[in-house]
Amino acid sequence: MNAELLAPVETEQPIAADLPAFDGHFPGAPVLPGAVLVALVLRAIGQRAAWAQRIGSAPTLRQVKFLAAVGPGQTLQIRLEDTAASVAFSVRCGTTTVARGALAKAK
């Protein structure tokens, strides 16, 4: 196994206040949709060739828990960690974990 896969990585992702995903989700109290949050994790994985190979081009979302809302203008920290069967991820906003889960290569 490639040593790069074993070392956890972390990246920051600012969330623009005018991101179209907030439109209608929800009026008066905008919340980043969970699907967009997972897409940001996938983009973070895709920026690292070895990690992208680990989950393949059509990964399976093994598990995901959304723990707190993400609003406009916040900055997320996405942490990726190699496990025996998947790439585990956690997403924080400051000291609050907003999501965690795992992606794996489809069987």
PDB file of N, CA and C in Angstrom:
ATOM      1  N   MET A   1       0.837  -1.175   0.000  1.00  0.00           N
ATOM      2  CA  MET A   1       0.000   0.000   0.000  1.00  0.00           C
ATOM      3  C   MET A   1       0.883   1.239   0.000  1.00  0.00           C
ATOM      4  N   ASN A   2       0.492   2.240  -0.722  1.00  0.00           N
ATOM      5  CA  ASN A   2       1.224   3.487  -0.832  1.00  0.00           C
ATOM      6  C   ASN A   2       1.237   4.209   0.516  1.00  0.00           C
ATOM      7  N   ALA A   3       2.403   4.676   0.970  1.00  0.00           N
ATOM      8  CA  ALA A   3       2.520   5.350   2.261  1.00  0.00           C
ATOM      9  C   ALA A   3       1.650   6.602   2.317  1.00  0.00           C
ATOM     10  N   GLU A   4       1.433   7.269   1.165  1.00  0.00           N
ATOM     11  CA  GLU A   4       0.597   8.469   1.130  1.00  0.00           C
ATOM     12  C   GLU A   4      -0.816   8.163   1.631  1.00  0.00           C
ATOM     13  N   LEU A   5      -1.293   6.961   1.358  1.00  0.00           N
ATOM     14  CA  LEU A   5      -2.638   6.590   1.790  1.00  0.00           C
ATOM     15  C   LEU A   5      -2.733   6.439   3.304  1.00  0.00           C
ATOM     16  N   LEU A   6      -1.646   6.148   3.927  1.00  0.00           N
ATOM     17  CA  LEU A   6      -1.668   5.901   5.363  1.00  0.00           C
ATOM     18  C   LEU A   6      -1.652   7.180   6.193  1.00  0.00           C
ATOM     19  N   ALA A   7      -1.106   8.230   5.663  1.00  0.00           N
ATOM     20  CA  ALA A   7      -1.010   9.486   6.408  1.00  0.00           C
ATOM     21  C   ALA A   7      -2.298  10.289   6.271  1.00  0.00           C
ATOM     22  N   PRO A   8      -2.971  10.595   7.375  1.00  0.00           N
ATOM     23  CA  PRO A   8      -4.174  11.428   7.289  1.00  0.00           C
ATOM     24  C   PRO A   8      -3.843  12.780   6.672  1.00  0.00           C
ATOM     25  N   VAL A   9      -4.805  13.342   5.971  1.00  0.00           N
ATOM     26  CA  VAL A   9      -4.636  14.668   5.375  1.00  0.00           C
ATOM     27  C   VAL A   9      -5.819  15.535   5.773  1.00  0.00           C
ATOM     28  N   GLU A  10      -5.577  16.830   5.778  1.00  0.00           N
ATOM     29  CA  GLU A  10      -6.628  17.783   6.117  1.00  0.00           C
ATOM     30  C   GLU A  10      -6.559  18.959   5.171  1.00  0.00           C
ATOM     31  N   THR A  11      -7.717  19.460   4.792  1.00  0.00           N
ATOM     32  CA  THR A  11      -7.796  20.604   3.910  1.00  0.00           C
ATOM     33  C   THR A  11      -8.910  21.526   4.373  1.00  0.00           C
ATOM     34  N   GLU A  12      -8.795  22.809   4.054  1.00  0.00           N
ATOM     35  CA  GLU A  12      -9.839  23.770   4.393  1.00  0.00           C
ATOM     36  C   GLU A  12     -10.680  24.078   3.169  1.00  0.00           C
ATOM     37  N   GLN A  13     -11.962  24.298   3.408  1.00  0.00           N
ATOM     38  CA  GLN A  13     -12.891  24.621   2.333  1.00  0.00           C
ATOM     39  C   GLN A  13     -13.806  25.757   2.799  1.00  0.00           C
ATOM     40  N   PRO A  14     -13.580  26.981   2.293  1.00  0.00           N
ATOM     41  CA  PRO A  14     -14.506  28.063   2.641  1.00  0.00           C
ATOM     42  C   PRO A  14     -15.841  27.859   1.916  1.00  0.00           C
ATOM     43  N   ILE A  15     -16.913  28.224   2.581  1.00  0.00           N
ATOM     44  CA  ILE A  15     -18.247  28.111   2.006  1.00  0.00           C
ATOM     45  C   ILE A  15     -18.739  29.523   1.688  1.00  0.00           C
ATOM     46  N   ALA A  16     -18.850  29.815   0.408  1.00  0.00           N
ATOM     47  CA  ALA A  16     -19.265  31.152  -0.030  1.00  0.00           C
ATOM     48  C   ALA A  16     -20.678  31.465   0.457  1.00  0.00           C
ATOM     49  N   ALA A  17     -20.879  32.692   0.873  1.00  0.00           N
ATOM     50  CA  ALA A  17     -22.194  33.110   1.364  1.00  0.00           C
ATOM     51  C   ALA A  17     -23.240  33.082   0.254  1.00  0.00           C
ATOM     52  N   ASP A  18     -22.793  33.254  -0.994  1.00  0.00           N
ATOM     53  CA  ASP A  18     -23.744  33.282  -2.115  1.00  0.00           C
ATOM     54  C   ASP A  18     -23.790  31.953  -2.886  1.00  0.00           C
ATOM     55  N   LEU A  19     -23.373  30.879  -2.275  1.00  0.00           N
ATOM     56  CA  LEU A  19     -23.401  29.564  -2.917  1.00  0.00           C
ATOM     57  C   LEU A  19     -24.840  29.226  -3.316  1.00  0.00           C
ATOM     58  N   PRO A  20     -25.082  28.905  -4.585  1.00  0.00           N
ATOM     59  CA  PRO A  20     -26.448  28.621  -5.035  1.00  0.00           C
ATOM     60  C   PRO A  20     -27.145  27.478  -4.279  1.00  0.00           C
ATOM     61  N   ALA A  21     -26.392  26.582  -3.678  1.00  0.00           N
ATOM     62  CA  ALA A  21     -26.998  25.471  -2.925  1.00  0.00           C
ATOM     63  C   ALA A  21     -27.837  25.963  -1.748  1.00  0.00           C
ATOM     64  N   PHE A  22     -27.591  27.177  -1.280  1.00  0.00           N
ATOM     65  CA  PHE A  22     -28.369  27.711  -0.164  1.00  0.00           C
ATOM     66  C   PHE A  22     -29.754  28.196  -0.596  1.00  0.00           C
ATOM     67  N   ASP A  23     -29.921  28.467  -1.897  1.00  0.00           N
ATOM     68  CA  ASP A  23     -31.201  28.972  -2.388  1.00  0.00           C
ATOM     69  C   ASP A  23     -32.320  27.983  -2.075  1.00  0.00           C
ATOM     70  N   GLY A  24     -33.250  28.388  -1.253  1.00  0.00           N
ATOM     71  CA  GLY A  24     -34.398  27.554  -0.921  1.00  0.00           C
ATOM     72  C   GLY A  24     -34.116  26.477   0.111  1.00  0.00           C
ATOM     73  N   HIS A  25     -32.911  26.440   0.656  1.00  0.00           N
ATOM     74  CA  HIS A  25     -32.554  25.368   1.608  1.00  0.00           C
ATOM     75  C   HIS A  25     -31.984  26.004   2.869  1.00  0.00           C
ATOM     76  N   PHE A  26     -32.620  26.621   3.634  1.00  0.00           N
ATOM     77  CA  PHE A  26     -34.037  26.886   3.829  1.00  0.00           C
ATOM     78  C   PHE A  26     -34.229  28.387   3.908  1.00  0.00           C
ATOM     79  N   PRO A  27     -35.330  28.915   3.355  1.00  0.00           N
ATOM     80  CA  PRO A  27     -35.549  30.364   3.366  1.00  0.00           C
ATOM     81  C   PRO A  27     -35.495  30.933   4.792  1.00  0.00           C
ATOM     82  N   GLY A  28     -34.696  31.966   4.959  1.00  0.00           N
ATOM     83  CA  GLY A  28     -34.563  32.610   6.260  1.00  0.00           C
ATOM     84  C   GLY A  28     -33.555  31.965   7.190  1.00  0.00           C
ATOM     85  N   ALA A  29     -33.184  30.718   6.918  1.00  0.00           N
ATOM     86  CA  ALA A  29     -32.205  30.005   7.753  1.00  0.00           C
ATOM     87  C   ALA A  29     -31.422  29.058   6.856  1.00  0.00           C
ATOM     88  N   PRO A  30     -30.544  29.602   5.991  1.00  0.00           N
ATOM     89  CA  PRO A  30     -29.843  28.761   5.014  1.00  0.00           C
ATOM     90  C   PRO A  30     -28.939  27.706   5.651  1.00  0.00           C
ATOM     91  N   VAL A  31     -29.034  26.485   5.112  1.00  0.00           N
ATOM     92  CA  VAL A  31     -28.245  25.350   5.579  1.00  0.00           C
ATOM     93  C   VAL A  31     -27.643  24.666   4.354  1.00  0.00           C
ATOM     94  N   LEU A  32     -26.361  24.351   4.422  1.00  0.00           N
ATOM     95  CA  LEU A  32     -25.697  23.643   3.328  1.00  0.00           C
ATOM     96  C   LEU A  32     -26.280  22.231   3.225  1.00  0.00           C
ATOM     97  N   PRO A  33     -26.801  21.831   2.064  1.00  0.00           N
ATOM     98  CA  PRO A  33     -27.349  20.478   1.920  1.00  0.00           C
ATOM     99  C   PRO A  33     -26.279  19.401   2.140  1.00  0.00           C
ATOM    100  N   GLY A  34     -26.675  18.289   2.733  1.00  0.00           N
ATOM    101  CA  GLY A  34     -25.757  17.188   2.991  1.00  0.00           C
ATOM    102  C   GLY A  34     -25.088  16.672   1.733  1.00  0.00           C
ATOM    103  N   ALA A  35     -25.822  16.649   0.623  1.00  0.00           N
ATOM    104  CA  ALA A  35     -25.245  16.174  -0.639  1.00  0.00           C
ATOM    105  C   ALA A  35     -24.079  17.055  -1.074  1.00  0.00           C
ATOM    106  N   VAL A  36     -24.181  18.350  -0.820  1.00  0.00           N
ATOM    107  CA  VAL A  36     -23.082  19.268  -1.166  1.00  0.00           C
ATOM    108  C   VAL A  36     -21.895  19.014  -0.245  1.00  0.00           C
ATOM    109  N   LEU A  37     -22.158  18.748   1.007  1.00  0.00           N
ATOM    110  CA  LEU A  37     -21.085  18.440   1.956  1.00  0.00           C
ATOM    111  C   LEU A  37     -20.315  17.191   1.520  1.00  0.00           C
ATOM    112  N   VAL A  38     -21.036  16.145   1.116  1.00  0.00           N
ATOM    113  CA  VAL A  38     -20.382  14.924   0.633  1.00  0.00           C
ATOM    114  C   VAL A  38     -19.619  15.215  -0.658  1.00  0.00           C
ATOM    115  N   ALA A  39     -20.170  16.056  -1.528  1.00  0.00           N
ATOM    116  CA  ALA A  39     -19.472  16.420  -2.769  1.00  0.00           C
ATOM    117  C   ALA A  39     -18.162  17.141  -2.460  1.00  0.00           C
ATOM    118  N   LEU A  40     -18.122  17.956  -1.422  1.00  0.00           N
ATOM    119  CA  LEU A  40     -16.885  18.633  -1.031  1.00  0.00           C
ATOM    120  C   LEU A  40     -15.848  17.630  -0.538  1.00  0.00           C
ATOM    121  N   VAL A  41     -16.308  16.613   0.179  1.00  0.00           N
ATOM    122  CA  VAL A  41     -15.393  15.549   0.624  1.00  0.00           C
ATOM    123  C   VAL A  41     -14.844  14.816  -0.605  1.00  0.00           C
ATOM    124  N   LEU A  42     -15.704  14.482  -1.539  1.00  0.00           N
ATOM    125  CA  LEU A  42     -15.254  13.795  -2.758  1.00  0.00           C
ATOM    126  C   LEU A  42     -14.258  14.645  -3.537  1.00  0.00           C
ATOM    127  N   ARG A  43     -14.486  15.951  -3.575  1.00  0.00           N
ATOM    128  CA  ARG A  43     -13.543  16.841  -4.271  1.00  0.00           C
ATOM    129  C   ARG A  43     -12.193  16.847  -3.557  1.00  0.00           C
ATOM    130  N   ALA A  44     -12.208  16.857  -2.225  1.00  0.00           N
ATOM    131  CA  ALA A  44     -10.954  16.817  -1.460  1.00  0.00           C
ATOM    132  C   ALA A  44     -10.196  15.524  -1.739  1.00  0.00           C
ATOM    133  N   ILE A  45     -10.913  14.415  -1.843  1.00  0.00           N
ATOM    134  CA  ILE A  45     -10.284  13.131  -2.173  1.00  0.00           C
ATOM    135  C   ILE A  45      -9.744  13.171  -3.599  1.00  0.00           C
ATOM    136  N   GLY A  46     -10.530  13.696  -4.519  1.00  0.00           N
ATOM    137  CA  GLY A  46     -10.144  13.746  -5.934  1.00  0.00           C
ATOM    138  C   GLY A  46      -8.917  14.586  -6.215  1.00  0.00           C
ATOM    139  N   GLN A  47      -8.584  15.504  -5.320  1.00  0.00           N
ATOM    140  CA  GLN A  47      -7.407  16.352  -5.503  1.00  0.00           C
ATOM    141  C   GLN A  47      -6.110  15.624  -5.171  1.00  0.00           C
ATOM    142  N   ARG A  48      -6.237  14.395  -4.702  1.00  0.00           N
ATOM    143  CA  ARG A  48      -5.067  13.583  -4.355  1.00  0.00           C
ATOM    144  C   ARG A  48      -5.199  12.255  -5.084  1.00  0.00           C
ATOM    145  N   ALA A  49      -4.372  12.058  -6.092  1.00  0.00           N
ATOM    146  CA  ALA A  49      -4.501  10.895  -6.980  1.00  0.00           C
ATOM    147  C   ALA A  49      -4.528   9.568  -6.230  1.00  0.00           C
ATOM    148  N   ALA A  50      -3.658   9.393  -5.267  1.00  0.00           N
ATOM    149  CA  ALA A  50      -3.596   8.124  -4.546  1.00  0.00           C
ATOM    150  C   ALA A  50      -4.886   7.881  -3.755  1.00  0.00           C
ATOM    151  N   TRP A  51      -5.431   8.932  -3.180  1.00  0.00           N
ATOM    152  CA  TRP A  51      -6.692   8.792  -2.440  1.00  0.00           C
ATOM    153  C   TRP A  51      -7.837   8.484  -3.397  1.00  0.00           C
ATOM    154  N   ALA A  52      -7.856   9.151  -4.537  1.00  0.00           N
ATOM    155  CA  ALA A  52      -8.913   8.912  -5.526  1.00  0.00           C
ATOM    156  C   ALA A  52      -8.868   7.463  -6.010  1.00  0.00           C
ATOM    157  N   GLN A  53      -7.674   6.931  -6.221  1.00  0.00           N
ATOM    158  CA  GLN A  53      -7.545   5.523  -6.619  1.00  0.00           C
ATOM    159  C   GLN A  53      -8.090   4.601  -5.542  1.00  0.00           C
ATOM    160  N   ARG A  54      -7.905   4.981  -4.302  1.00  0.00           N
ATOM    161  CA  ARG A  54      -8.337   4.156  -3.168  1.00  0.00           C
ATOM    162  C   ARG A  54      -9.838   3.886  -3.189  1.00  0.00           C
ATOM    163  N   ILE A  55     -10.649   4.898  -3.605  1.00  0.00           N
ATOM    164  CA  ILE A  55     -12.104   4.721  -3.608  1.00  0.00           C
ATOM    165  C   ILE A  55     -12.691   4.501  -4.995  1.00  0.00           C
ATOM    166  N   GLY A  56     -11.885   4.691  -6.046  1.00  0.00           N
ATOM    167  CA  GLY A  56     -12.378   4.474  -7.401  1.00  0.00           C
ATOM    168  C   GLY A  56     -13.247   5.615  -7.916  1.00  0.00           C
ATOM    169  N   SER A  57     -13.743   5.455  -9.132  1.00  0.00           N
ATOM    170  CA  SER A  57     -14.495   6.532  -9.786  1.00  0.00           C
ATOM    171  C   SER A  57     -15.966   6.582  -9.379  1.00  0.00           C
ATOM    172  N   ALA A  58     -16.483   5.526  -8.798  1.00  0.00           N
ATOM    173  CA  ALA A  58     -17.891   5.492  -8.363  1.00  0.00           C
ATOM    174  C   ALA A  58     -17.966   4.866  -6.966  1.00  0.00           C
ATOM    175  N   PRO A  59     -17.490   5.593  -5.957  1.00  0.00           N
ATOM    176  CA  PRO A  59     -17.426   5.010  -4.607  1.00  0.00           C
ATOM    177  C   PRO A  59     -18.796   4.816  -3.974  1.00  0.00           C
ATOM    178  N   THR A  60     -18.806   3.978  -2.955  1.00  0.00           N
ATOM    179  CA  THR A  60     -19.987   3.736  -2.146  1.00  0.00           C
ATOM    180  C   THR A  60     -19.867   4.548  -0.869  1.00  0.00           C
ATOM    181  N   LEU A  61     -20.942   5.216  -0.506  1.00  0.00           N
ATOM    182  CA  LEU A  61     -20.976   5.926   0.760  1.00  0.00           C
ATOM    183  C   LEU A  61     -21.365   4.902   1.817  1.00  0.00           C
ATOM    184  N   ARG A  62     -20.373   4.442   2.566  1.00  0.00           N
ATOM    185  CA  ARG A  62     -20.598   3.376   3.547  1.00  0.00           C
ATOM    186  C   ARG A  62     -21.436   3.848   4.714  1.00  0.00           C
ATOM    187  N   GLN A  63     -21.157   5.033   5.144  1.00  0.00           N
ATOM    188  CA  GLN A  63     -21.902   5.613   6.258  1.00  0.00           C
ATOM    189  C   GLN A  63     -21.684   7.105   6.255  1.00  0.00           C
ATOM    190  N   VAL A  64     -22.652   7.819   6.769  1.00  0.00           N
ATOM    191  CA  VAL A  64     -22.495   9.264   6.953  1.00  0.00           C
ATOM    192  C   VAL A  64     -23.453   9.706   8.054  1.00  0.00           C
ATOM    193  N   LYS A  65     -22.961  10.608   8.886  1.00  0.00           N
ATOM    194  CA  LYS A  65     -23.783  11.223   9.926  1.00  0.00           C
ATOM    195  C   LYS A  65     -23.586  12.721   9.818  1.00  0.00           C
ATOM    196  N   PHE A  66     -24.690  13.430   9.711  1.00  0.00           N
ATOM    197  CA  PHE A  66     -24.654  14.878   9.712  1.00  0.00           C
ATOM    198  C   PHE A  66     -24.993  15.319  11.132  1.00  0.00           C
ATOM    199  N   LEU A  67     -24.070  16.006  11.770  1.00  0.00           N
ATOM    200  CA  LEU A  67     -24.175  16.279  13.200  1.00  0.00           C
ATOM    201  C   LEU A  67     -24.519  17.727  13.542  1.00  0.00           C
ATOM    202  N   ALA A  68     -24.267  18.633  12.619  1.00  0.00           N
ATOM    203  CA  ALA A  68     -24.554  20.050  12.862  1.00  0.00           C
ATOM    204  C   ALA A  68     -24.725  20.749  11.520  1.00  0.00           C
ATOM    205  N   ALA A  69     -25.464  21.840  11.535  1.00  0.00           N
ATOM    206  CA  ALA A  69     -25.720  22.598  10.305  1.00  0.00           C
ATOM    207  C   ALA A  69     -24.510  23.451   9.921  1.00  0.00           C
ATOM    208  N   VAL A  70     -24.353  23.653   8.619  1.00  0.00           N
ATOM    209  CA  VAL A  70     -23.310  24.524   8.075  1.00  0.00           C
ATOM    210  C   VAL A  70     -24.014  25.668   7.363  1.00  0.00           C
ATOM    211  N   GLY A  71     -23.653  26.879   7.713  1.00  0.00           N
ATOM    212  CA  GLY A  71     -24.274  28.048   7.113  1.00  0.00           C
ATOM    213  C   GLY A  71     -23.343  28.776   6.162  1.00  0.00           C
ATOM    214  N   PRO A  72     -23.871  29.792   5.510  1.00  0.00           N
ATOM    215  CA  PRO A  72     -23.076  30.591   4.564  1.00  0.00           C
ATOM    216  C   PRO A  72     -21.896  31.274   5.253  1.00  0.00           C
ATOM    217  N   GLY A  73     -20.782  31.362   4.535  1.00  0.00           N
ATOM    218  CA  GLY A  73     -19.621  32.091   5.023  1.00  0.00           C
ATOM    219  C   GLY A  73     -18.754  31.348   6.019  1.00  0.00           C
ATOM    220  N   GLN A  74     -19.066  30.108   6.306  1.00  0.00           N
ATOM    221  CA  GLN A  74     -18.244  29.357   7.247  1.00  0.00           C
ATOM    222  C   GLN A  74     -17.084  28.681   6.506  1.00  0.00           C
ATOM    223  N   THR A  75     -16.080  28.255   7.254  1.00  0.00           N
ATOM    224  CA  THR A  75     -14.951  27.521   6.689  1.00  0.00           C
ATOM    225  C   THR A  75     -14.934  26.136   7.301  1.00  0.00           C
ATOM    226  N   LEU A  76     -14.830  25.127   6.443  1.00  0.00           N
ATOM    227  CA  LEU A  76     -14.811  23.734   6.880  1.00  0.00           C
ATOM    228  C   LEU A  76     -13.402  23.181   6.834  1.00  0.00           C
ATOM    229  N   GLN A  77     -13.107  22.284   7.751  1.00  0.00           N
ATOM    230  CA  GLN A  77     -11.864  21.521   7.727  1.00  0.00           C
ATOM    231  C   GLN A  77     -12.270  20.076   7.433  1.00  0.00           C
ATOM    232  N   ILE A  78     -11.758  19.553   6.335  1.00  0.00           N
ATOM    233  CA  ILE A  78     -12.071  18.185   5.919  1.00  0.00           C
ATOM    234  C   ILE A  78     -10.848  17.327   6.202  1.00  0.00           C
ATOM    235  N   ARG A  79     -11.036  16.291   7.005  1.00  0.00           N
ATOM    236  CA  ARG A  79      -9.945  15.370   7.356  1.00  0.00           C
ATOM    237  C   ARG A  79     -10.243  14.015   6.735  1.00  0.00           C
ATOM    238  N   LEU A  80      -9.242  13.474   6.041  1.00  0.00           N
ATOM    239  CA  LEU A  80      -9.336  12.159   5.412  1.00  0.00           C
ATOM    240  C   LEU A  80      -8.370  11.219   6.108  1.00  0.00           C
ATOM    241  N   GLU A  81      -8.832   9.992   6.341  1.00  0.00           N
ATOM    242  CA  GLU A  81      -7.994   9.014   7.017  1.00  0.00           C
ATOM    243  C   GLU A  81      -8.214   7.646   6.386  1.00  0.00           C
ATOM    244  N   ASP A  82      -7.114   6.972   6.087  1.00  0.00           N
ATOM    245  CA  ASP A  82      -7.167   5.641   5.497  1.00  0.00           C
ATOM    246  C   ASP A  82      -7.553   4.619   6.558  1.00  0.00           C
ATOM    247  N   THR A  83      -8.442   3.708   6.201  1.00  0.00           N
ATOM    248  CA  THR A  83      -8.774   2.585   7.082  1.00  0.00           C
ATOM    249  C   THR A  83      -8.575   1.314   6.260  1.00  0.00           C
ATOM    250  N   ALA A  84      -8.774   0.184   6.862  1.00  0.00           N
ATOM    251  CA  ALA A  84      -8.562  -1.081   6.161  1.00  0.00           C
ATOM    252  C   ALA A  84      -9.480  -1.228   4.953  1.00  0.00           C
ATOM    253  N   ALA A  85     -10.704  -0.714   5.039  1.00  0.00           N
ATOM    254  CA  ALA A  85     -11.673  -0.954   3.968  1.00  0.00           C
ATOM    255  C   ALA A  85     -12.222   0.305   3.310  1.00  0.00           C
ATOM    256  N   SER A  86     -11.812   1.483   3.765  1.00  0.00           N
ATOM    257  CA  SER A  86     -12.428   2.698   3.240  1.00  0.00           C
ATOM    258  C   SER A  86     -11.562   3.920   3.522  1.00  0.00           C
ATOM    259  N   VAL A  87     -12.057   5.052   3.071  1.00  0.00           N
ATOM    260  CA  VAL A  87     -11.481   6.338   3.441  1.00  0.00           C
ATOM    261  C   VAL A  87     -12.489   6.984   4.384  1.00  0.00           C
ATOM    262  N   ALA A  88     -12.090   7.127   5.625  1.00  0.00           N
ATOM    263  CA  ALA A  88     -12.951   7.775   6.618  1.00  0.00           C
ATOM    264  C   ALA A  88     -12.762   9.281   6.490  1.00  0.00           C
ATOM    265  N   PHE A  89     -13.842  10.019   6.746  1.00  0.00           N
ATOM    266  CA  PHE A  89     -13.747  11.473   6.700  1.00  0.00           C
ATOM    267  C   PHE A  89     -14.469  12.074   7.892  1.00  0.00           C
ATOM    268  N   SER A  90     -13.980  13.231   8.283  1.00  0.00           N
ATOM    269  CA  SER A  90     -14.686  14.050   9.258  1.00  0.00           C
ATOM    270  C   SER A  90     -14.618  15.482   8.756  1.00  0.00           C
ATOM    271  N   VAL A  91     -15.687  16.215   9.018  1.00  0.00           N
ATOM    272  CA  VAL A  91     -15.768  17.604   8.592  1.00  0.00           C
ATOM    273  C   VAL A  91     -16.070  18.433   9.825  1.00  0.00           C
ATOM    274  N   ARG A  92     -15.215  19.421  10.074  1.00  0.00           N
ATOM    275  CA  ARG A  92     -15.384  20.301  11.222  1.00  0.00           C
ATOM    276  C   ARG A  92     -15.588  21.732  10.761  1.00  0.00           C
ATOM    277  N   CYS A  93     -16.268  22.463  11.585  1.00  0.00           N
ATOM    278  CA  CYS A  93     -16.387  23.911  11.435  1.00  0.00           C
ATOM    279  C   CYS A  93     -15.950  24.464  12.779  1.00  0.00           C
ATOM    280  N   GLY A  94     -14.723  24.974  12.827  1.00  0.00           N
ATOM    281  CA  GLY A  94     -14.146  25.368  14.109  1.00  0.00           C
ATOM    282  C   GLY A  94     -13.905  24.127  14.943  1.00  0.00           C
ATOM    283  N   THR A  95     -14.467  24.092  16.136  1.00  0.00           N
ATOM    284  CA  THR A  95     -14.287  22.929  17.004  1.00  0.00           C
ATOM    285  C   THR A  95     -15.465  21.950  16.929  1.00  0.00           C
ATOM    286  N   THR A  96     -16.448  22.259  16.101  1.00  0.00           N
ATOM    287  CA  THR A  96     -17.643  21.429  15.991  1.00  0.00           C
ATOM    288  C   THR A  96     -17.533  20.465  14.820  1.00  0.00           C
ATOM    289  N   THR A  97     -17.699  19.184  15.068  1.00  0.00           N
ATOM    290  CA  THR A  97     -17.766  18.202  13.984  1.00  0.00           C
ATOM    291  C   THR A  97     -19.159  18.286  13.390  1.00  0.00           C
ATOM    292  N   VAL A  98     -19.224  18.571  12.080  1.00  0.00           N
ATOM    293  CA  VAL A  98     -20.528  18.729  11.421  1.00  0.00           C
ATOM    294  C   VAL A  98     -20.934  17.477  10.665  1.00  0.00           C
ATOM    295  N   ALA A  99     -19.961  16.634  10.300  1.00  0.00           N
ATOM    296  CA  ALA A  99     -20.278  15.384   9.585  1.00  0.00           C
ATOM    297  C   ALA A  99     -19.096  14.422   9.717  1.00  0.00           C
ATOM    298  N   ARG A 100     -19.420  13.133   9.602  1.00  0.00           N
ATOM    299  CA  ARG A 100     -18.373  12.117   9.531  1.00  0.00           C
ATOM    300  C   ARG A 100     -18.949  10.919   8.809  1.00  0.00           C
ATOM    301  N   GLY A 101     -18.055  10.150   8.215  1.00  0.00           N
ATOM    302  CA  GLY A 101     -18.512   8.983   7.482  1.00  0.00           C
ATOM    303  C   GLY A 101     -17.349   8.273   6.823  1.00  0.00           C
ATOM    304  N   ALA A 102     -17.681   7.445   5.828  1.00  0.00           N
ATOM    305  CA  ALA A 102     -16.666   6.668   5.123  1.00  0.00           C
ATOM    306  C   ALA A 102     -17.112   6.420   3.689  1.00  0.00           C
ATOM    307  N   LEU A 103     -16.152   6.440   2.797  1.00  0.00           N
ATOM    308  CA  LEU A 103     -16.356   6.117   1.384  1.00  0.00           C
ATOM    309  C   LEU A 103     -15.466   4.945   1.033  1.00  0.00           C
ATOM    310  N   ALA A 104     -15.985   4.053   0.192  1.00  0.00           N
ATOM    311  CA  ALA A 104     -15.218   2.873  -0.194  1.00  0.00           C
ATOM    312  C   ALA A 104     -15.409   2.582  -1.668  1.00  0.00           C
ATOM    313  N   LYS A 105     -14.462   1.833  -2.208  1.00  0.00           N
ATOM    314  CA  LYS A 105     -14.557   1.399  -3.595  1.00  0.00           C
ATOM    315  C   LYS A 105     -15.766   0.472  -3.734  1.00  0.00           C
ATOM    316  N   ALA A 106     -16.572   0.696  -4.765  1.00  0.00           N
ATOM    317  CA  ALA A 106     -17.741  -0.151  -4.997  1.00  0.00           C
ATOM    318  C   ALA A 106     -17.262  -1.564  -5.333  1.00  0.00           C
ATOM    319  N   LYS A 107     -17.995  -2.545  -4.854  1.00  0.00           N
ATOM    320  CA  LYS A 107     -17.609  -3.939  -5.086  1.00  0.00           C
ATOM    321  C   LYS A 107     -18.215  -4.473  -6.353  1.00  0.00           C
TER     322      LYS A 107
END
